[in-house]
Every structure is written in structure tokens, then in C-alpha cells.
PDB file of N, CA and C in Angstrom:
ATOM      1  N   MET A   1      11.037 -10.482   4.604  1.00  0.00           N
ATOM      2  CA  MET A   1       9.651 -10.326   5.009  1.00  0.00           C
ATOM      3  C   MET A   1       8.771 -10.974   3.938  1.00  0.00           C
ATOM      4  N   THR A   2       7.850 -11.799   4.364  1.00  0.00           N
ATOM      5  CA  THR A   2       6.974 -12.482   3.423  1.00  0.00           C
ATOM      6  C   THR A   2       5.879 -11.548   2.915  1.00  0.00           C
ATOM      7  N   GLU A   3       5.256 -11.965   1.830  1.00  0.00           N
ATOM      8  CA  GLU A   3       4.149 -11.193   1.276  1.00  0.00           C
ATOM      9  C   GLU A   3       3.027 -11.060   2.306  1.00  0.00           C
ATOM     10  N   GLN A   4       2.739 -12.143   3.010  1.00  0.00           N
ATOM     11  CA  GLN A   4       1.678 -12.111   4.022  1.00  0.00           C
ATOM     12  C   GLN A   4       2.017 -11.123   5.140  1.00  0.00           C
ATOM     13  N   MET A   5       3.276 -11.048   5.522  1.00  0.00           N
ATOM     14  CA  MET A   5       3.690 -10.099   6.558  1.00  0.00           C
ATOM     15  C   MET A   5       3.509  -8.661   6.070  1.00  0.00           C
ATOM     16  N   ILE A   6       3.794  -8.427   4.800  1.00  0.00           N
ATOM     17  CA  ILE A   6       3.603  -7.087   4.238  1.00  0.00           C
ATOM     18  C   ILE A   6       2.125  -6.721   4.279  1.00  0.00           C
ATOM     19  N   TYR A   7       1.269  -7.648   3.842  1.00  0.00           N
ATOM     20  CA  TYR A   7      -0.181  -7.392   3.893  1.00  0.00           C
ATOM     21  C   TYR A   7      -0.633  -7.098   5.319  1.00  0.00           C
ATOM     22  N   SER A   8      -0.136  -7.864   6.279  1.00  0.00           N
ATOM     23  CA  SER A   8      -0.576  -7.666   7.669  1.00  0.00           C
ATOM     24  C   SER A   8      -0.131  -6.316   8.214  1.00  0.00           C
ATOM     25  N   GLN A   9       0.966  -5.775   7.697  1.00  0.00           N
ATOM     26  CA  GLN A   9       1.411  -4.459   8.135  1.00  0.00           C
ATOM     27  C   GLN A   9       0.760  -3.331   7.335  1.00  0.00           C
ATOM     28  N   LEU A  10       0.290  -3.641   6.141  1.00  0.00           N
ATOM     29  CA  LEU A  10      -0.441  -2.648   5.350  1.00  0.00           C
ATOM     30  C   LEU A  10      -1.863  -2.454   5.858  1.00  0.00           C
ATOM     31  N   GLN A  11      -2.483  -3.525   6.340  1.00  0.00           N
ATOM     32  CA  GLN A  11      -3.887  -3.463   6.741  1.00  0.00           C
ATOM     33  C   GLN A  11      -4.172  -2.332   7.730  1.00  0.00           C
ATOM     34  N   PRO A  12      -3.391  -2.187   8.821  1.00  0.00           N
ATOM     35  CA  PRO A  12      -3.686  -1.084   9.747  1.00  0.00           C
ATOM     36  C   PRO A  12      -3.485   0.301   9.137  1.00  0.00           C
ATOM     37  N   ILE A  13      -2.576   0.422   8.176  1.00  0.00           N
ATOM     38  CA  ILE A  13      -2.383   1.705   7.497  1.00  0.00           C
ATOM     39  C   ILE A  13      -3.653   2.061   6.732  1.00  0.00           C
ATOM     40  N   PHE A  14      -4.179   1.107   5.989  1.00  0.00           N
ATOM     41  CA  PHE A  14      -5.424   1.335   5.249  1.00  0.00           C
ATOM     42  C   PHE A  14      -6.576   1.607   6.202  1.00  0.00           C
ATOM     43  N   ASP A  15      -6.667   0.822   7.280  1.00  0.00           N
ATOM     44  CA  ASP A  15      -7.759   1.004   8.243  1.00  0.00           C
ATOM     45  C   ASP A  15      -7.732   2.400   8.852  1.00  0.00           C
ATOM     46  N   ASP A  16      -6.548   2.877   9.215  1.00  0.00           N
ATOM     47  CA  ASP A  16      -6.424   4.206   9.821  1.00  0.00           C
ATOM     48  C   ASP A  16      -6.703   5.316   8.811  1.00  0.00           C
ATOM     49  N   LEU A  17      -6.117   5.203   7.645  1.00  0.00           N
ATOM     50  CA  LEU A  17      -6.229   6.262   6.650  1.00  0.00           C
ATOM     51  C   LEU A  17      -7.639   6.375   6.074  1.00  0.00           C
ATOM     52  N   PHE A  18      -8.254   5.237   5.838  1.00  0.00           N
ATOM     53  CA  PHE A  18      -9.567   5.244   5.193  1.00  0.00           C
ATOM     54  C   PHE A  18     -10.699   4.963   6.172  1.00  0.00           C
ATOM     55  N   ASP A  19     -10.375   4.910   7.453  1.00  0.00           N
ATOM     56  CA  ASP A  19     -11.366   4.752   8.517  1.00  0.00           C
ATOM     57  C   ASP A  19     -12.310   3.582   8.242  1.00  0.00           C
ATOM     58  N   THR A  20     -11.698   2.461   7.933  1.00  0.00           N
ATOM     59  CA  THR A  20     -12.493   1.269   7.670  1.00  0.00           C
ATOM     60  C   THR A  20     -11.916   0.091   8.430  1.00  0.00           C
ATOM     61  N   GLY A  21     -12.774  -0.661   9.048  1.00  0.00           N
ATOM     62  CA  GLY A  21     -12.321  -1.846   9.756  1.00  0.00           C
ATOM     63  C   GLY A  21     -12.745  -3.111   9.051  1.00  0.00           C
ATOM     64  N   ASP A  22     -13.488  -2.954   7.958  1.00  0.00           N
ATOM     65  CA  ASP A  22     -14.025  -4.127   7.280  1.00  0.00           C
ATOM     66  C   ASP A  22     -13.411  -4.366   5.902  1.00  0.00           C
ATOM     67  N   LEU A  23     -12.379  -3.626   5.567  1.00  0.00           N
ATOM     68  CA  LEU A  23     -11.726  -3.792   4.275  1.00  0.00           C
ATOM     69  C   LEU A  23     -10.687  -4.900   4.375  1.00  0.00           C
ATOM     70  N   ALA A  24     -10.848  -5.927   3.575  1.00  0.00           N
ATOM     71  CA  ALA A  24      -9.860  -7.005   3.515  1.00  0.00           C
ATOM     72  C   ALA A  24      -9.011  -6.776   2.274  1.00  0.00           C
ATOM     73  N   LEU A  25      -7.771  -6.391   2.483  1.00  0.00           N
ATOM     74  CA  LEU A  25      -6.889  -6.118   1.352  1.00  0.00           C
ATOM     75  C   LEU A  25      -6.622  -7.387   0.560  1.00  0.00           C
ATOM     76  N   ALA A  26      -6.612  -7.251  -0.741  1.00  0.00           N
ATOM     77  CA  ALA A  26      -6.272  -8.342  -1.649  1.00  0.00           C
ATOM     78  C   ALA A  26      -5.377  -7.775  -2.739  1.00  0.00           C
ATOM     79  N   ALA A  27      -4.717  -8.647  -3.459  1.00  0.00           N
ATOM     80  CA  ALA A  27      -3.801  -8.202  -4.507  1.00  0.00           C
ATOM     81  C   ALA A  27      -4.501  -7.338  -5.548  1.00  0.00           C
ATOM     82  N   ASP A  28      -5.769  -7.621  -5.803  1.00  0.00           N
ATOM     83  CA  ASP A  28      -6.480  -6.878  -6.843  1.00  0.00           C
ATOM     84  C   ASP A  28      -7.272  -5.682  -6.320  1.00  0.00           C
ATOM     85  N   THR A  29      -7.095  -5.318  -5.045  1.00  0.00           N
ATOM     86  CA  THR A  29      -7.760  -4.139  -4.494  1.00  0.00           C
ATOM     87  C   THR A  29      -7.197  -2.885  -5.161  1.00  0.00           C
ATOM     88  N   THR A  30      -8.105  -2.007  -5.622  1.00  0.00           N
ATOM     89  CA  THR A  30      -7.698  -0.755  -6.264  1.00  0.00           C
ATOM     90  C   THR A  30      -8.360   0.422  -5.553  1.00  0.00           C
ATOM     91  N   ALA A  31      -7.991   1.615  -5.963  1.00  0.00           N
ATOM     92  CA  ALA A  31      -8.582   2.825  -5.385  1.00  0.00           C
ATOM     93  C   ALA A  31     -10.093   2.846  -5.582  1.00  0.00           C
ATOM     94  N   ASP A  32     -10.571   2.272  -6.667  1.00  0.00           N
ATOM     95  CA  ASP A  32     -12.016   2.236  -6.924  1.00  0.00           C
ATOM     96  C   ASP A  32     -12.767   1.397  -5.891  1.00  0.00           C
ATOM     97  N   ASP A  33     -12.065   0.494  -5.223  1.00  0.00           N
ATOM     98  CA  ASP A  33     -12.689  -0.397  -4.244  1.00  0.00           C
ATOM     99  C   ASP A  33     -12.779   0.212  -2.849  1.00  0.00           C
ATOM    100  N   VAL A  34     -12.087   1.332  -2.630  1.00  0.00           N
ATOM    101  CA  VAL A  34     -11.962   1.892  -1.282  1.00  0.00           C
ATOM    102  C   VAL A  34     -12.546   3.303  -1.257  1.00  0.00           C
ATOM    103  N   ASP A  35     -13.587   3.490  -0.452  1.00  0.00           N
ATOM    104  CA  ASP A  35     -14.183   4.819  -0.301  1.00  0.00           C
ATOM    105  C   ASP A  35     -13.144   5.794   0.243  1.00  0.00           C
ATOM    106  N   GLY A  36     -13.012   6.935  -0.410  1.00  0.00           N
ATOM    107  CA  GLY A  36     -12.102   7.967   0.061  1.00  0.00           C
ATOM    108  C   GLY A  36     -10.695   7.878  -0.490  1.00  0.00           C
ATOM    109  N   TRP A  37     -10.411   6.864  -1.307  1.00  0.00           N
ATOM    110  CA  TRP A  37      -9.062   6.737  -1.868  1.00  0.00           C
ATOM    111  C   TRP A  37      -8.972   7.644  -3.092  1.00  0.00           C
ATOM    112  N   ASP A  38      -8.696   8.912  -2.821  1.00  0.00           N
ATOM    113  CA  ASP A  38      -8.531   9.902  -3.877  1.00  0.00           C
ATOM    114  C   ASP A  38      -7.053  10.250  -3.998  1.00  0.00           C
ATOM    115  N   SER A  39      -6.739  11.245  -4.804  1.00  0.00           N
ATOM    116  CA  SER A  39      -5.331  11.577  -5.048  1.00  0.00           C
ATOM    117  C   SER A  39      -4.618  12.060  -3.790  1.00  0.00           C
ATOM    118  N   LEU A  40      -5.294  12.833  -2.964  1.00  0.00           N
ATOM    119  CA  LEU A  40      -4.675  13.305  -1.724  1.00  0.00           C
ATOM    120  C   LEU A  40      -4.411  12.137  -0.778  1.00  0.00           C
ATOM    121  N   ASN A  41      -5.390  11.276  -0.609  1.00  0.00           N
ATOM    122  CA  ASN A  41      -5.196  10.124   0.271  1.00  0.00           C
ATOM    123  C   ASN A  41      -4.195   9.134  -0.310  1.00  0.00           C
ATOM    124  N   HIS A  42      -4.039   9.123  -1.631  1.00  0.00           N
ATOM    125  CA  HIS A  42      -3.021   8.269  -2.239  1.00  0.00           C
ATOM    126  C   HIS A  42      -1.629   8.740  -1.804  1.00  0.00           C
ATOM    127  N   VAL A  43      -1.415  10.046  -1.826  1.00  0.00           N
ATOM    128  CA  VAL A  43      -0.136  10.602  -1.373  1.00  0.00           C
ATOM    129  C   VAL A  43       0.085  10.265   0.099  1.00  0.00           C
ATOM    130  N   MET A  44      -0.947  10.424   0.901  1.00  0.00           N
ATOM    131  CA  MET A  44      -0.827  10.123   2.333  1.00  0.00           C
ATOM    132  C   MET A  44      -0.546   8.636   2.556  1.00  0.00           C
ATOM    133  N   LEU A  45      -1.170   7.786   1.755  1.00  0.00           N
ATOM    134  CA  LEU A  45      -0.933   6.345   1.844  1.00  0.00           C
ATOM    135  C   LEU A  45       0.522   6.023   1.528  1.00  0.00           C
ATOM    136  N   ILE A  46       1.031   6.572   0.441  1.00  0.00           N
ATOM    137  CA  ILE A  46       2.418   6.312   0.043  1.00  0.00           C
ATOM    138  C   ILE A  46       3.384   6.796   1.121  1.00  0.00           C
ATOM    139  N   LEU A  47       3.137   7.973   1.676  1.00  0.00           N
ATOM    140  CA  LEU A  47       4.002   8.486   2.748  1.00  0.00           C
ATOM    141  C   LEU A  47       3.965   7.569   3.965  1.00  0.00           C
ATOM    142  N   ALA A  48       2.790   7.101   4.337  1.00  0.00           N
ATOM    143  CA  ALA A  48       2.658   6.207   5.494  1.00  0.00           C
ATOM    144  C   ALA A  48       3.361   4.878   5.239  1.00  0.00           C
ATOM    145  N   VAL A  49       3.245   4.358   4.032  1.00  0.00           N
ATOM    146  CA  VAL A  49       3.898   3.092   3.682  1.00  0.00           C
ATOM    147  C   VAL A  49       5.418   3.262   3.707  1.00  0.00           C
ATOM    148  N   GLN A  50       5.910   4.354   3.132  1.00  0.00           N
ATOM    149  CA  GLN A  50       7.357   4.598   3.139  1.00  0.00           C
ATOM    150  C   GLN A  50       7.882   4.702   4.567  1.00  0.00           C
ATOM    151  N   LYS A  51       7.143   5.367   5.418  1.00  0.00           N
ATOM    152  CA  LYS A  51       7.566   5.514   6.810  1.00  0.00           C
ATOM    153  C   LYS A  51       7.541   4.169   7.528  1.00  0.00           C
ATOM    154  N   ARG A  52       6.469   3.410   7.360  1.00  0.00           N
ATOM    155  CA  ARG A  52       6.314   2.139   8.067  1.00  0.00           C
ATOM    156  C   ARG A  52       7.381   1.132   7.669  1.00  0.00           C
ATOM    157  N   PHE A  53       7.654   1.047   6.372  1.00  0.00           N
ATOM    158  CA  PHE A  53       8.592   0.043   5.873  1.00  0.00           C
ATOM    159  C   PHE A  53      10.010   0.590   5.696  1.00  0.00           C
ATOM    160  N   LYS A  54      10.188   1.886   5.976  1.00  0.00           N
ATOM    161  CA  LYS A  54      11.502   2.533   5.857  1.00  0.00           C
ATOM    162  C   LYS A  54      12.087   2.349   4.452  1.00  0.00           C
ATOM    163  N   VAL A  55      11.251   2.677   3.453  1.00  0.00           N
ATOM    164  CA  VAL A  55      11.660   2.608   2.051  1.00  0.00           C
ATOM    165  C   VAL A  55      11.289   3.921   1.372  1.00  0.00           C
ATOM    166  N   LYS A  56      11.839   4.148   0.198  1.00  0.00           N
ATOM    167  CA  LYS A  56      11.503   5.321  -0.614  1.00  0.00           C
ATOM    168  C   LYS A  56      11.127   4.839  -2.008  1.00  0.00           C
ATOM    169  N   PHE A  57      10.065   5.432  -2.551  1.00  0.00           N
ATOM    170  CA  PHE A  57       9.618   5.108  -3.896  1.00  0.00           C
ATOM    171  C   PHE A  57       9.874   6.297  -4.811  1.00  0.00           C
ATOM    172  N   SER A  58      10.249   6.010  -6.047  1.00  0.00           N
ATOM    173  CA  SER A  58      10.391   7.075  -7.040  1.00  0.00           C
ATOM    174  C   SER A  58       9.012   7.426  -7.589  1.00  0.00           C
ATOM    175  N   ALA A  59       8.937   8.571  -8.250  1.00  0.00           N
ATOM    176  CA  ALA A  59       7.673   8.984  -8.867  1.00  0.00           C
ATOM    177  C   ALA A  59       7.229   7.959  -9.907  1.00  0.00           C
ATOM    178  N   ALA A  60       8.174   7.409 -10.657  1.00  0.00           N
ATOM    179  CA  ALA A  60       7.841   6.406 -11.671  1.00  0.00           C
ATOM    180  C   ALA A  60       7.285   5.138 -11.024  1.00  0.00           C
ATOM    181  N   GLU A  61       7.875   4.732  -9.909  1.00  0.00           N
ATOM    182  CA  GLU A  61       7.372   3.548  -9.207  1.00  0.00           C
ATOM    183  C   GLU A  61       5.953   3.781  -8.692  1.00  0.00           C
ATOM    184  N   ILE A  62       5.726   4.949  -8.135  1.00  0.00           N
ATOM    185  CA  ILE A  62       4.401   5.271  -7.588  1.00  0.00           C
ATOM    186  C   ILE A  62       3.362   5.308  -8.703  1.00  0.00           C
ATOM    187  N   SER A  63       3.703   5.926  -9.817  1.00  0.00           N
ATOM    188  CA  SER A  63       2.726   6.039 -10.909  1.00  0.00           C
ATOM    189  C   SER A  63       2.429   4.690 -11.554  1.00  0.00           C
ATOM    190  N   GLY A  64       3.309   3.724 -11.372  1.00  0.00           N
ATOM    191  CA  GLY A  64       3.098   2.395 -11.938  1.00  0.00           C
ATOM    192  C   GLY A  64       2.270   1.466 -11.075  1.00  0.00           C
ATOM    193  N   LEU A  65       1.878   1.925  -9.894  1.00  0.00           N
ATOM    194  CA  LEU A  65       1.106   1.077  -8.987  1.00  0.00           C
ATOM    195  C   LEU A  65      -0.355   1.038  -9.422  1.00  0.00           C
ATOM    196  N   GLU A  66      -0.816  -0.128  -9.826  1.00  0.00           N
ATOM    197  CA  GLU A  66      -2.193  -0.263 -10.298  1.00  0.00           C
ATOM    198  C   GLU A  66      -3.125  -0.860  -9.251  1.00  0.00           C
ATOM    199  N   ASN A  67      -2.547  -1.552  -8.262  1.00  0.00           N
ATOM    200  CA  ASN A  67      -3.371  -2.184  -7.233  1.00  0.00           C
ATOM    201  C   ASN A  67      -2.505  -2.489  -6.012  1.00  0.00           C
ATOM    202  N   VAL A  68      -3.130  -3.021  -4.987  1.00  0.00           N
ATOM    203  CA  VAL A  68      -2.409  -3.315  -3.745  1.00  0.00           C
ATOM    204  C   VAL A  68      -1.351  -4.389  -3.978  1.00  0.00           C
ATOM    205  N   GLY A  69      -1.627  -5.340  -4.845  1.00  0.00           N
ATOM    206  CA  GLY A  69      -0.640  -6.372  -5.148  1.00  0.00           C
ATOM    207  C   GLY A  69       0.647  -5.789  -5.703  1.00  0.00           C
ATOM    208  N   ALA A  70       0.527  -4.779  -6.557  1.00  0.00           N
ATOM    209  CA  ALA A  70       1.713  -4.113  -7.102  1.00  0.00           C
ATOM    210  C   ALA A  70       2.466  -3.377  -6.004  1.00  0.00           C
ATOM    211  N   LEU A  71       1.736  -2.787  -5.066  1.00  0.00           N
ATOM    212  CA  LEU A  71       2.368  -2.109  -3.935  1.00  0.00           C
ATOM    213  C   LEU A  71       3.115  -3.110  -3.063  1.00  0.00           C
ATOM    214  N   VAL A  72       2.491  -4.239  -2.785  1.00  0.00           N
ATOM    215  CA  VAL A  72       3.134  -5.283  -1.976  1.00  0.00           C
ATOM    216  C   VAL A  72       4.399  -5.782  -2.673  1.00  0.00           C
ATOM    217  N   ALA A  73       4.324  -6.004  -3.976  1.00  0.00           N
ATOM    218  CA  ALA A  73       5.493  -6.459  -4.730  1.00  0.00           C
ATOM    219  C   ALA A  73       6.614  -5.423  -4.689  1.00  0.00           C
ATOM    220  N   LEU A  74       6.258  -4.144  -4.805  1.00  0.00           N
ATOM    221  CA  LEU A  74       7.260  -3.082  -4.763  1.00  0.00           C
ATOM    222  C   LEU A  74       7.908  -3.001  -3.384  1.00  0.00           C
ATOM    223  N   ILE A  75       7.111  -3.122  -2.347  1.00  0.00           N
ATOM    224  CA  ILE A  75       7.667  -3.124  -0.990  1.00  0.00           C
ATOM    225  C   ILE A  75       8.627  -4.298  -0.834  1.00  0.00           C
ATOM    226  N   GLY A  76       8.208  -5.476  -1.277  1.00  0.00           N
ATOM    227  CA  GLY A  76       9.071  -6.654  -1.200  1.00  0.00           C
ATOM    228  C   GLY A  76      10.372  -6.454  -1.952  1.00  0.00           C
ATOM    229  N   LYS A  77      10.292  -5.846  -3.122  1.00  0.00           N
ATOM    230  CA  LYS A  77      11.492  -5.563  -3.916  1.00  0.00           C
ATOM    231  C   LYS A  77      12.417  -4.618  -3.162  1.00  0.00           C
ATOM    232  N   LYS A  78      11.851  -3.568  -2.584  1.00  0.00           N
ATOM    233  CA  LYS A  78      12.659  -2.590  -1.847  1.00  0.00           C
ATOM    234  C   LYS A  78      13.310  -3.215  -0.615  1.00  0.00           C
ATOM    235  N   LEU A  79      12.611  -4.160  -0.008  1.00  0.00           N
ATOM    236  CA  LEU A  79      13.140  -4.819   1.186  1.00  0.00           C
ATOM    237  C   LEU A  79      14.060  -5.983   0.837  1.00  0.00           C
ATOM    238  N   GLY A  80      14.146  -6.287  -0.452  1.00  0.00           N
ATOM    239  CA  GLY A  80      15.007  -7.378  -0.889  1.00  0.00           C
ATOM    240  C   GLY A  80      14.418  -8.751  -0.664  1.00  0.00           C
ATOM    241  N   THR A  81      13.090  -8.822  -0.549  1.00  0.00           N
ATOM    242  CA  THR A  81      12.456 -10.114  -0.301  1.00  0.00           C
ATOM    243  C   THR A  81      11.632 -10.598  -1.484  1.00  0.00           C
ATOM    244  N   ALA A  82      11.602  -9.822  -2.556  1.00  0.00           N
ATOM    245  CA  ALA A  82      10.793 -10.221  -3.722  1.00  0.00           C
ATOM    246  C   ALA A  82      11.654 -10.893  -4.765  1.00  0.00           C
TER     247      ALA A  82
END
């Protein structure tokens, strides 16, 4: 799966969770850029991503995520495409 394909599958997750249709995800997008991205919604985001991509993240992997680009890279690594 390409990086662009991962982004295209992440976009609806973000749109649904954060109720936004105008957010364009980028590698440098962080929680500070998204209204409502708090600790509870972060957990919900990670659960939704794990379910969608059929992957599991460790606590260390999750705590190391600084932006959407890091999440995309981690998904790619888990899928064996990074």
C-alpha cells in the first residue's frame, strides 16, 4: 500500500472522528492543528486506525507518534510497505 493510499484511507477516519470535512491531512499535521483532538479522541483515533488497517500498535509506538506523517510511516511499516 502506498503512502498516498494510506492518507486516502486515513482522511475519512479523521473526518468522522473530528467532524470535519475541510481538514486536509499532511505529514506535519498534529493534534494542535485539529479541533477536538484531545487525549480521549487520540485513543479513539488509534483504535479506528488499528481496526481499519488491521494492525496493532504498542504503547511505545503510539507514544512516539508526533504527527500524521509518523502515523502513516508506522502504518506502512506494519503493513510491510515502508
